[in-house]
């Protein structure tokens, strides 16, 4: 993405990498919660299954929310650089 000469672009690329990781982790936890939820439908909602579902939803929300906000910020900064509207 960058040639390493502009520290702002280097920092933005690093943040974009963290955002990508946060999105994958957050959506992955939500997907795991859905899979475990359907397992609970089949096998019954015993304590461990409900704990896993709750954990995945809570941690997934805490990871995904800031990742989405920073994703919009990185995209807006890239768009502003392209258009020269800063």
PDB file of N, CA and C in Angstrom:
ATOM      1  N   UNK A   1       0.819  -1.184   0.000  1.00  0.00           N
ATOM      2  CA  UNK A   1       0.000   0.000   0.000  1.00  0.00           C
ATOM      3  C   UNK A   1       0.868   1.254   0.000  1.00  0.00           C
ATOM      4  N   UNK A   2       1.958   1.233   0.739  1.00  0.00           N
ATOM      5  CA  UNK A   2       2.819   2.411   0.806  1.00  0.00           C
ATOM      6  C   UNK A   2       4.244   1.998   0.511  1.00  0.00           C
ATOM      7  N   UNK A   3       5.049   3.007   0.189  1.00  0.00           N
ATOM      8  CA  UNK A   3       6.464   2.732  -0.039  1.00  0.00           C
ATOM      9  C   UNK A   3       7.304   2.979   1.204  1.00  0.00           C
ATOM     10  N   UNK A   4       6.664   3.364   2.309  1.00  0.00           N
ATOM     11  CA  UNK A   4       7.368   3.554   3.564  1.00  0.00           C
ATOM     12  C   UNK A   4       7.896   4.961   3.763  1.00  0.00           C
ATOM     13  N   UNK A   5       7.635   5.875   2.830  1.00  0.00           N
ATOM     14  CA  UNK A   5       8.169   7.217   2.967  1.00  0.00           C
ATOM     15  C   UNK A   5       7.249   8.148   3.753  1.00  0.00           C
ATOM     16  N   UNK A   6       5.960   7.910   3.734  1.00  0.00           N
ATOM     17  CA  UNK A   6       5.012   8.778   4.433  1.00  0.00           C
ATOM     18  C   UNK A   6       4.558   8.093   5.720  1.00  0.00           C
ATOM     19  N   UNK A   7       4.911   8.642   6.881  1.00  0.00           N
ATOM     20  CA  UNK A   7       4.559   7.977   8.145  1.00  0.00           C
ATOM     21  C   UNK A   7       3.049   7.900   8.377  1.00  0.00           C
ATOM     22  N   UNK A   8       2.288   8.839   7.827  1.00  0.00           N
ATOM     23  CA  UNK A   8       0.831   8.798   7.988  1.00  0.00           C
ATOM     24  C   UNK A   8       0.257   7.596   7.238  1.00  0.00           C
ATOM     25  N   UNK A   9       0.740   7.373   6.027  1.00  0.00           N
ATOM     26  CA  UNK A   9       0.248   6.229   5.250  1.00  0.00           C
ATOM     27  C   UNK A   9       0.686   4.907   5.863  1.00  0.00           C
ATOM     28  N   UNK A  10       1.887   4.887   6.431  1.00  0.00           N
ATOM     29  CA  UNK A  10       2.363   3.676   7.099  1.00  0.00           C
ATOM     30  C   UNK A  10       1.492   3.374   8.305  1.00  0.00           C
ATOM     31  N   UNK A  11       1.193   4.406   9.076  1.00  0.00           N
ATOM     32  CA  UNK A  11       0.331   4.231  10.263  1.00  0.00           C
ATOM     33  C   UNK A  11      -1.071   3.796   9.864  1.00  0.00           C
ATOM     34  N   UNK A  12      -1.598   4.398   8.789  1.00  0.00           N
ATOM     35  CA  UNK A  12      -2.931   4.030   8.313  1.00  0.00           C
ATOM     36  C   UNK A  12      -2.956   2.575   7.843  1.00  0.00           C
ATOM     37  N   UNK A  13      -1.909   2.122   7.190  1.00  0.00           N
ATOM     38  CA  UNK A  13      -1.839   0.726   6.752  1.00  0.00           C
ATOM     39  C   UNK A  13      -1.795  -0.222   7.950  1.00  0.00           C
ATOM     40  N   UNK A  14      -1.089   0.183   9.001  1.00  0.00           N
ATOM     41  CA  UNK A  14      -1.033  -0.644  10.202  1.00  0.00           C
ATOM     42  C   UNK A  14      -2.410  -0.734  10.864  1.00  0.00           C
ATOM     43  N   UNK A  15      -3.105   0.402  10.929  1.00  0.00           N
ATOM     44  CA  UNK A  15      -4.459   0.411  11.497  1.00  0.00           C
ATOM     45  C   UNK A  15      -5.395  -0.432  10.640  1.00  0.00           C
ATOM     46  N   UNK A  16      -5.244  -0.357   9.321  1.00  0.00           N
ATOM     47  CA  UNK A  16      -6.078  -1.167   8.424  1.00  0.00           C
ATOM     48  C   UNK A  16      -5.839  -2.656   8.659  1.00  0.00           C
ATOM     49  N   UNK A  17      -4.611  -3.034   8.974  1.00  0.00           N
ATOM     50  CA  UNK A  17      -4.325  -4.434   9.288  1.00  0.00           C
ATOM     51  C   UNK A  17      -5.016  -4.877  10.571  1.00  0.00           C
ATOM     52  N   UNK A  18      -4.979  -4.024  11.592  1.00  0.00           N
ATOM     53  CA  UNK A  18      -5.676  -4.336  12.837  1.00  0.00           C
ATOM     54  C   UNK A  18      -7.181  -4.406  12.620  1.00  0.00           C
ATOM     55  N   UNK A  19      -7.697  -3.503  11.784  1.00  0.00           N
ATOM     56  CA  UNK A  19      -9.131  -3.515  11.469  1.00  0.00           C
ATOM     57  C   UNK A  19      -9.515  -4.826  10.807  1.00  0.00           C
ATOM     58  N   UNK A  20      -8.707  -5.267   9.863  1.00  0.00           N
ATOM     59  CA  UNK A  20      -8.984  -6.532   9.175  1.00  0.00           C
ATOM     60  C   UNK A  20      -9.018  -7.699  10.161  1.00  0.00           C
ATOM     61  N   UNK A  21      -8.067  -7.715  11.065  1.00  0.00           N
ATOM     62  CA  UNK A  21      -8.034  -8.764  12.082  1.00  0.00           C
ATOM     63  C   UNK A  21      -9.266  -8.696  12.983  1.00  0.00           C
ATOM     64  N   UNK A  22      -9.640  -7.482  13.403  1.00  0.00           N
ATOM     65  CA  UNK A  22     -10.819  -7.315  14.251  1.00  0.00           C
ATOM     66  C   UNK A  22     -12.098  -7.743  13.565  1.00  0.00           C
ATOM     67  N   UNK A  23     -12.219  -7.425  12.280  1.00  0.00           N
ATOM     68  CA  UNK A  23     -13.408  -7.835  11.538  1.00  0.00           C
ATOM     69  C   UNK A  23     -13.484  -9.356  11.420  1.00  0.00           C
ATOM     70  N   UNK A  24     -12.370  -9.977  11.089  1.00  0.00           N
ATOM     71  CA  UNK A  24     -12.368 -11.443  10.970  1.00  0.00           C
ATOM     72  C   UNK A  24     -12.696 -12.101  12.301  1.00  0.00           C
ATOM     73  N   UNK A  25     -12.107 -11.598  13.377  1.00  0.00           N
ATOM     74  CA  UNK A  25     -12.350 -12.171  14.697  1.00  0.00           C
ATOM     75  C   UNK A  25     -13.793 -11.955  15.134  1.00  0.00           C
ATOM     76  N   UNK A  26     -14.304 -10.740  14.981  1.00  0.00           N
ATOM     77  CA  UNK A  26     -15.669 -10.434  15.399  1.00  0.00           C
ATOM     78  C   UNK A  26     -16.711 -11.229  14.633  1.00  0.00           C
ATOM     79  N   UNK A  27     -16.599 -11.221  13.308  1.00  0.00           N
ATOM     80  CA  UNK A  27     -17.553 -11.983  12.509  1.00  0.00           C
ATOM     81  C   UNK A  27     -17.389 -13.489  12.728  1.00  0.00           C
ATOM     82  N   UNK A  28     -16.166 -13.928  12.972  1.00  0.00           N
ATOM     83  CA  UNK A  28     -15.931 -15.340  13.268  1.00  0.00           C
ATOM     84  C   UNK A  28     -16.602 -15.768  14.564  1.00  0.00           C
ATOM     85  N   UNK A  29     -16.526 -14.910  15.573  1.00  0.00           N
ATOM     86  CA  UNK A  29     -17.196 -15.220  16.841  1.00  0.00           C
ATOM     87  C   UNK A  29     -18.714 -15.236  16.675  1.00  0.00           C
ATOM     88  N   UNK A  30     -19.250 -14.325  15.867  1.00  0.00           N
ATOM     89  CA  UNK A  30     -20.691 -14.352  15.607  1.00  0.00           C
ATOM     90  C   UNK A  30     -21.089 -15.633  14.872  1.00  0.00           C
ATOM     91  N   UNK A  31     -20.272 -16.047  13.907  1.00  0.00           N
ATOM     92  CA  UNK A  31     -20.557 -17.286  13.178  1.00  0.00           C
ATOM     93  C   UNK A  31     -20.502 -18.487  14.121  1.00  0.00           C
ATOM     94  N   UNK A  32     -19.520 -18.501  15.012  1.00  0.00           N
ATOM     95  CA  UNK A  32     -19.426 -19.585  15.987  1.00  0.00           C
ATOM     96  C   UNK A  32     -20.650 -19.601  16.896  1.00  0.00           C
ATOM     97  N   UNK A  33     -21.128 -18.425  17.297  1.00  0.00           N
ATOM     98  CA  UNK A  33     -22.326 -18.351  18.136  1.00  0.00           C
ATOM     99  C   UNK A  33     -23.537 -18.927  17.418  1.00  0.00           C
ATOM    100  N   UNK A  34     -23.645 -18.672  16.125  1.00  0.00           N
ATOM    101  CA  UNK A  34     -24.766 -19.216  15.344  1.00  0.00           C
ATOM    102  C   UNK A  34     -24.673 -20.733  15.256  1.00  0.00           C
ATOM    103  N   UNK A  35     -23.482 -21.250  14.997  1.00  0.00           N
ATOM    104  CA  UNK A  35     -23.296 -22.699  14.901  1.00  0.00           C
ATOM    105  C   UNK A  35     -23.626 -23.369  16.238  1.00  0.00           C
ATOM    106  N   UNK A  36     -23.130 -22.796  17.323  1.00  0.00           N
ATOM    107  CA  UNK A  36     -23.399 -23.376  18.641  1.00  0.00           C
ATOM    108  C   UNK A  36     -24.884 -23.241  18.993  1.00  0.00           C
ATOM    109  N   UNK A  37     -25.524 -22.155  18.546  1.00  0.00           N
ATOM    110  CA  UNK A  37     -26.952 -21.991  18.777  1.00  0.00           C
ATOM    111  C   UNK A  37     -27.738 -23.128  18.113  1.00  0.00           C
ATOM    112  N   UNK A  38     -27.406 -23.437  16.867  1.00  0.00           N
ATOM    113  CA  UNK A  38     -28.106 -24.532  16.186  1.00  0.00           C
ATOM    114  C   UNK A  38     -27.766 -25.884  16.810  1.00  0.00           C
ATOM    115  N   UNK A  39     -26.559 -26.024  17.328  1.00  0.00           N
ATOM    116  CA  UNK A  39     -26.228 -27.241  18.072  1.00  0.00           C
ATOM    117  C   UNK A  39     -27.084 -27.324  19.330  1.00  0.00           C
ATOM    118  N   UNK A  40     -27.345 -26.182  19.943  1.00  0.00           N
ATOM    119  CA  UNK A  40     -28.212 -26.150  21.113  1.00  0.00           C
ATOM    120  C   UNK A  40     -29.644 -26.527  20.781  1.00  0.00           C
ATOM    121  N   UNK A  41     -30.091 -26.147  19.603  1.00  0.00           N
ATOM    122  CA  UNK A  41     -31.434 -26.546  19.174  1.00  0.00           C
ATOM    123  C   UNK A  41     -31.516 -28.061  19.036  1.00  0.00           C
ATOM    124  N   UNK A  42     -30.467 -28.652  18.488  1.00  0.00           N
ATOM    125  CA  UNK A  42     -30.463 -30.100  18.256  1.00  0.00           C
ATOM    126  C   UNK A  42     -30.255 -30.872  19.561  1.00  0.00           C
ATOM    127  N   UNK A  43     -29.281 -30.460  20.364  1.00  0.00           N
ATOM    128  CA  UNK A  43     -28.894 -31.238  21.545  1.00  0.00           C
ATOM    129  C   UNK A  43     -29.468 -30.709  22.856  1.00  0.00           C
ATOM    130  N   UNK A  44     -30.119 -29.595  22.824  1.00  0.00           N
ATOM    131  CA  UNK A  44     -30.643 -28.997  24.048  1.00  0.00           C
ATOM    132  C   UNK A  44     -29.690 -27.941  24.570  1.00  0.00           C
ATOM    133  N   UNK A  45     -30.258 -26.907  25.127  1.00  0.00           N
ATOM    134  CA  UNK A  45     -29.446 -25.796  25.618  1.00  0.00           C
ATOM    135  C   UNK A  45     -28.987 -26.072  27.042  1.00  0.00           C
ATOM    136  N   UNK A  46     -27.880 -26.777  27.154  1.00  0.00           N
ATOM    137  CA  UNK A  46     -27.286 -27.033  28.462  1.00  0.00           C
ATOM    138  C   UNK A  46     -26.342 -25.874  28.799  1.00  0.00           C
ATOM    139  N   UNK A  47     -25.894 -25.822  30.021  1.00  0.00           N
ATOM    140  CA  UNK A  47     -25.069 -24.718  30.507  1.00  0.00           C
ATOM    141  C   UNK A  47     -23.874 -24.353  29.646  1.00  0.00           C
ATOM    142  N   UNK A  48     -23.027 -25.313  29.261  1.00  0.00           N
ATOM    143  CA  UNK A  48     -21.842 -24.955  28.475  1.00  0.00           C
ATOM    144  C   UNK A  48     -22.184 -24.341  27.112  1.00  0.00           C
ATOM    145  N   UNK A  49     -23.230 -24.829  26.472  1.00  0.00           N
ATOM    146  CA  UNK A  49     -23.591 -24.270  25.169  1.00  0.00           C
ATOM    147  C   UNK A  49     -24.053 -22.823  25.298  1.00  0.00           C
ATOM    148  N   UNK A  50     -24.875 -22.561  26.288  1.00  0.00           N
ATOM    149  CA  UNK A  50     -25.338 -21.184  26.465  1.00  0.00           C
ATOM    150  C   UNK A  50     -24.195 -20.263  26.881  1.00  0.00           C
ATOM    151  N   UNK A  51     -23.248 -20.779  27.639  1.00  0.00           N
ATOM    152  CA  UNK A  51     -22.085 -19.971  28.028  1.00  0.00           C
ATOM    153  C   UNK A  51     -21.236 -19.620  26.805  1.00  0.00           C
ATOM    154  N   UNK A  52     -21.043 -20.588  25.912  1.00  0.00           N
ATOM    155  CA  UNK A  52     -20.256 -20.337  24.701  1.00  0.00           C
ATOM    156  C   UNK A  52     -20.966 -19.324  23.806  1.00  0.00           C
ATOM    157  N   UNK A  53     -22.275 -19.469  23.647  1.00  0.00           N
ATOM    158  CA  UNK A  53     -23.041 -18.531  22.823  1.00  0.00           C
ATOM    159  C   UNK A  53     -22.940 -17.119  23.401  1.00  0.00           C
ATOM    160  N   UNK A  54     -23.143 -16.993  24.694  1.00  0.00           N
ATOM    161  CA  UNK A  54     -23.085 -15.686  25.347  1.00  0.00           C
ATOM    162  C   UNK A  54     -21.700 -15.073  25.232  1.00  0.00           C
ATOM    163  N   UNK A  55     -20.675 -15.867  25.476  1.00  0.00           N
ATOM    164  CA  UNK A  55     -19.297 -15.388  25.369  1.00  0.00           C
ATOM    165  C   UNK A  55     -19.001 -14.894  23.957  1.00  0.00           C
ATOM    166  N   UNK A  56     -19.378 -15.683  22.957  1.00  0.00           N
ATOM    167  CA  UNK A  56     -19.104 -15.305  21.567  1.00  0.00           C
ATOM    168  C   UNK A  56     -19.819 -14.017  21.180  1.00  0.00           C
ATOM    169  N   UNK A  57     -21.052 -13.863  21.610  1.00  0.00           N
ATOM    170  CA  UNK A  57     -21.796 -12.650  21.273  1.00  0.00           C
ATOM    171  C   UNK A  57     -21.229 -11.421  21.971  1.00  0.00           C
ATOM    172  N   UNK A  58     -20.863 -11.547  23.242  1.00  0.00           N
ATOM    173  CA  UNK A  58     -20.337 -10.392  23.979  1.00  0.00           C
ATOM    174  C   UNK A  58     -18.957  -9.992  23.467  1.00  0.00           C
ATOM    175  N   UNK A  59     -18.052 -10.954  23.374  1.00  0.00           N
ATOM    176  CA  UNK A  59     -16.696 -10.640  22.918  1.00  0.00           C
ATOM    177  C   UNK A  59     -16.714 -10.214  21.450  1.00  0.00           C
ATOM    178  N   UNK A  60     -17.534 -10.878  20.638  1.00  0.00           N
ATOM    179  CA  UNK A  60     -17.656 -10.485  19.240  1.00  0.00           C
ATOM    180  C   UNK A  60     -18.135  -9.057  19.086  1.00  0.00           C
ATOM    181  N   UNK A  61     -19.069  -8.633  19.919  1.00  0.00           N
ATOM    182  CA  UNK A  61     -19.566  -7.257  19.866  1.00  0.00           C
ATOM    183  C   UNK A  61     -18.491  -6.260  20.273  1.00  0.00           C
ATOM    184  N   UNK A  62     -17.737  -6.574  21.329  1.00  0.00           N
ATOM    185  CA  UNK A  62     -16.686  -5.671  21.784  1.00  0.00           C
ATOM    186  C   UNK A  62     -15.546  -5.555  20.777  1.00  0.00           C
ATOM    187  N   UNK A  63     -15.318  -6.599  20.008  1.00  0.00           N
ATOM    188  CA  UNK A  63     -14.254  -6.556  19.006  1.00  0.00           C
ATOM    189  C   UNK A  63     -14.756  -5.928  17.710  1.00  0.00           C
ATOM    190  N   UNK A  64     -15.953  -6.278  17.310  1.00  0.00           N
ATOM    191  CA  UNK A  64     -16.456  -5.868  16.006  1.00  0.00           C
ATOM    192  C   UNK A  64     -16.847  -4.396  15.945  1.00  0.00           C
ATOM    193  N   UNK A  65     -17.431  -3.858  16.991  1.00  0.00           N
ATOM    194  CA  UNK A  65     -17.904  -2.473  16.955  1.00  0.00           C
ATOM    195  C   UNK A  65     -16.773  -1.471  16.667  1.00  0.00           C
ATOM    196  N   UNK A  66     -15.675  -1.492  17.407  1.00  0.00           N
ATOM    197  CA  UNK A  66     -14.607  -0.542  17.073  1.00  0.00           C
ATOM    198  C   UNK A  66     -13.953  -0.830  15.721  1.00  0.00           C
ATOM    199  N   UNK A  67     -13.890  -2.101  15.345  1.00  0.00           N
ATOM    200  CA  UNK A  67     -13.294  -2.436  14.054  1.00  0.00           C
ATOM    201  C   UNK A  67     -14.095  -1.829  12.913  1.00  0.00           C
ATOM    202  N   UNK A  68     -15.410  -1.855  13.016  1.00  0.00           N
ATOM    203  CA  UNK A  68     -16.255  -1.272  11.970  1.00  0.00           C
ATOM    204  C   UNK A  68     -16.072   0.247  11.931  1.00  0.00           C
ATOM    205  N   UNK A  69     -16.014   0.880  13.090  1.00  0.00           N
ATOM    206  CA  UNK A  69     -15.825   2.333  13.138  1.00  0.00           C
ATOM    207  C   UNK A  69     -14.482   2.717  12.519  1.00  0.00           C
ATOM    208  N   UNK A  70     -13.415   2.010  12.884  1.00  0.00           N
ATOM    209  CA  UNK A  70     -12.105   2.321  12.332  1.00  0.00           C
ATOM    210  C   UNK A  70     -12.022   1.982  10.848  1.00  0.00           C
ATOM    211  N   UNK A  71     -12.776   0.990  10.398  1.00  0.00           N
ATOM    212  CA  UNK A  71     -12.813   0.677   8.971  1.00  0.00           C
ATOM    213  C   UNK A  71     -13.371   1.867   8.187  1.00  0.00           C
ATOM    214  N   UNK A  72     -14.457   2.460   8.679  1.00  0.00           N
ATOM    215  CA  UNK A  72     -15.011   3.641   8.027  1.00  0.00           C
ATOM    216  C   UNK A  72     -14.019   4.804   8.067  1.00  0.00           C
ATOM    217  N   UNK A  73     -13.309   4.944   9.168  1.00  0.00           N
ATOM    218  CA  UNK A  73     -12.340   6.037   9.285  1.00  0.00           C
ATOM    219  C   UNK A  73     -11.199   5.876   8.283  1.00  0.00           C
ATOM    220  N   UNK A  74     -10.680   4.669   8.150  1.00  0.00           N
ATOM    221  CA  UNK A  74      -9.586   4.428   7.201  1.00  0.00           C
ATOM    222  C   UNK A  74     -10.064   4.657   5.774  1.00  0.00           C
ATOM    223  N   UNK A  75     -11.271   4.176   5.456  1.00  0.00           N
ATOM    224  CA  UNK A  75     -11.800   4.379   4.108  1.00  0.00           C
ATOM    225  C   UNK A  75     -12.031   5.859   3.823  1.00  0.00           C
ATOM    226  N   UNK A  76     -12.532   6.598   4.804  1.00  0.00           N
ATOM    227  CA  UNK A  76     -12.759   8.034   4.609  1.00  0.00           C
ATOM    228  C   UNK A  76     -11.442   8.776   4.422  1.00  0.00           C
ATOM    229  N   UNK A  77     -10.421   8.400   5.172  1.00  0.00           N
ATOM    230  CA  UNK A  77      -9.115   9.039   5.026  1.00  0.00           C
ATOM    231  C   UNK A  77      -8.511   8.741   3.657  1.00  0.00           C
ATOM    232  N   UNK A  78      -8.649   7.503   3.195  1.00  0.00           N
ATOM    233  CA  UNK A  78      -8.155   7.154   1.862  1.00  0.00           C
ATOM    234  C   UNK A  78      -8.899   7.946   0.787  1.00  0.00           C
ATOM    235  N   UNK A  79     -10.206   8.055   0.933  1.00  0.00           N
ATOM    236  CA  UNK A  79     -11.013   8.783  -0.043  1.00  0.00           C
ATOM    237  C   UNK A  79     -10.638  10.273  -0.028  1.00  0.00           C
ATOM    238  N   UNK A  80     -10.431  10.827   1.147  1.00  0.00           N
ATOM    239  CA  UNK A  80     -10.041  12.241   1.246  1.00  0.00           C
ATOM    240  C   UNK A  80      -8.680  12.479   0.604  1.00  0.00           C
ATOM    241  N   UNK A  81      -7.750  11.539   0.754  1.00  0.00           N
ATOM    242  CA  UNK A  81      -6.448  11.672   0.114  1.00  0.00           C
ATOM    243  C   UNK A  81      -6.551  11.615  -1.409  1.00  0.00           C
ATOM    244  N   UNK A  82      -7.383  10.705  -1.903  1.00  0.00           N
ATOM    245  CA  UNK A  82      -7.565  10.573  -3.353  1.00  0.00           C
ATOM    246  C   UNK A  82      -8.192  11.826  -3.957  1.00  0.00           C
ATOM    247  N   UNK A  83      -9.206  12.358  -3.260  1.00  0.00           N
ATOM    248  CA  UNK A  83      -9.943  13.505  -3.790  1.00  0.00           C
ATOM    249  C   UNK A  83      -9.274  14.828  -3.447  1.00  0.00           C
ATOM    250  N   UNK A  84      -8.328  14.806  -2.531  1.00  0.00           N
ATOM    251  CA  UNK A  84      -7.670  16.032  -2.116  1.00  0.00           C
ATOM    252  C   UNK A  84      -8.575  16.973  -1.340  1.00  0.00           C
ATOM    253  N   UNK A  85      -9.564  16.387  -0.652  1.00  0.00           N
ATOM    254  CA  UNK A  85     -10.554  17.208   0.063  1.00  0.00           C
ATOM    255  C   UNK A  85     -10.241  17.261   1.554  1.00  0.00           C
ATOM    256  N   UNK A  86      -9.048  17.532   1.913  1.00  0.00           N
ATOM    257  CA  UNK A  86      -8.679  17.651   3.313  1.00  0.00           C
ATOM    258  C   UNK A  86      -8.369  19.066   3.581  1.00  0.00           C
TER     259      UNK A  86
END
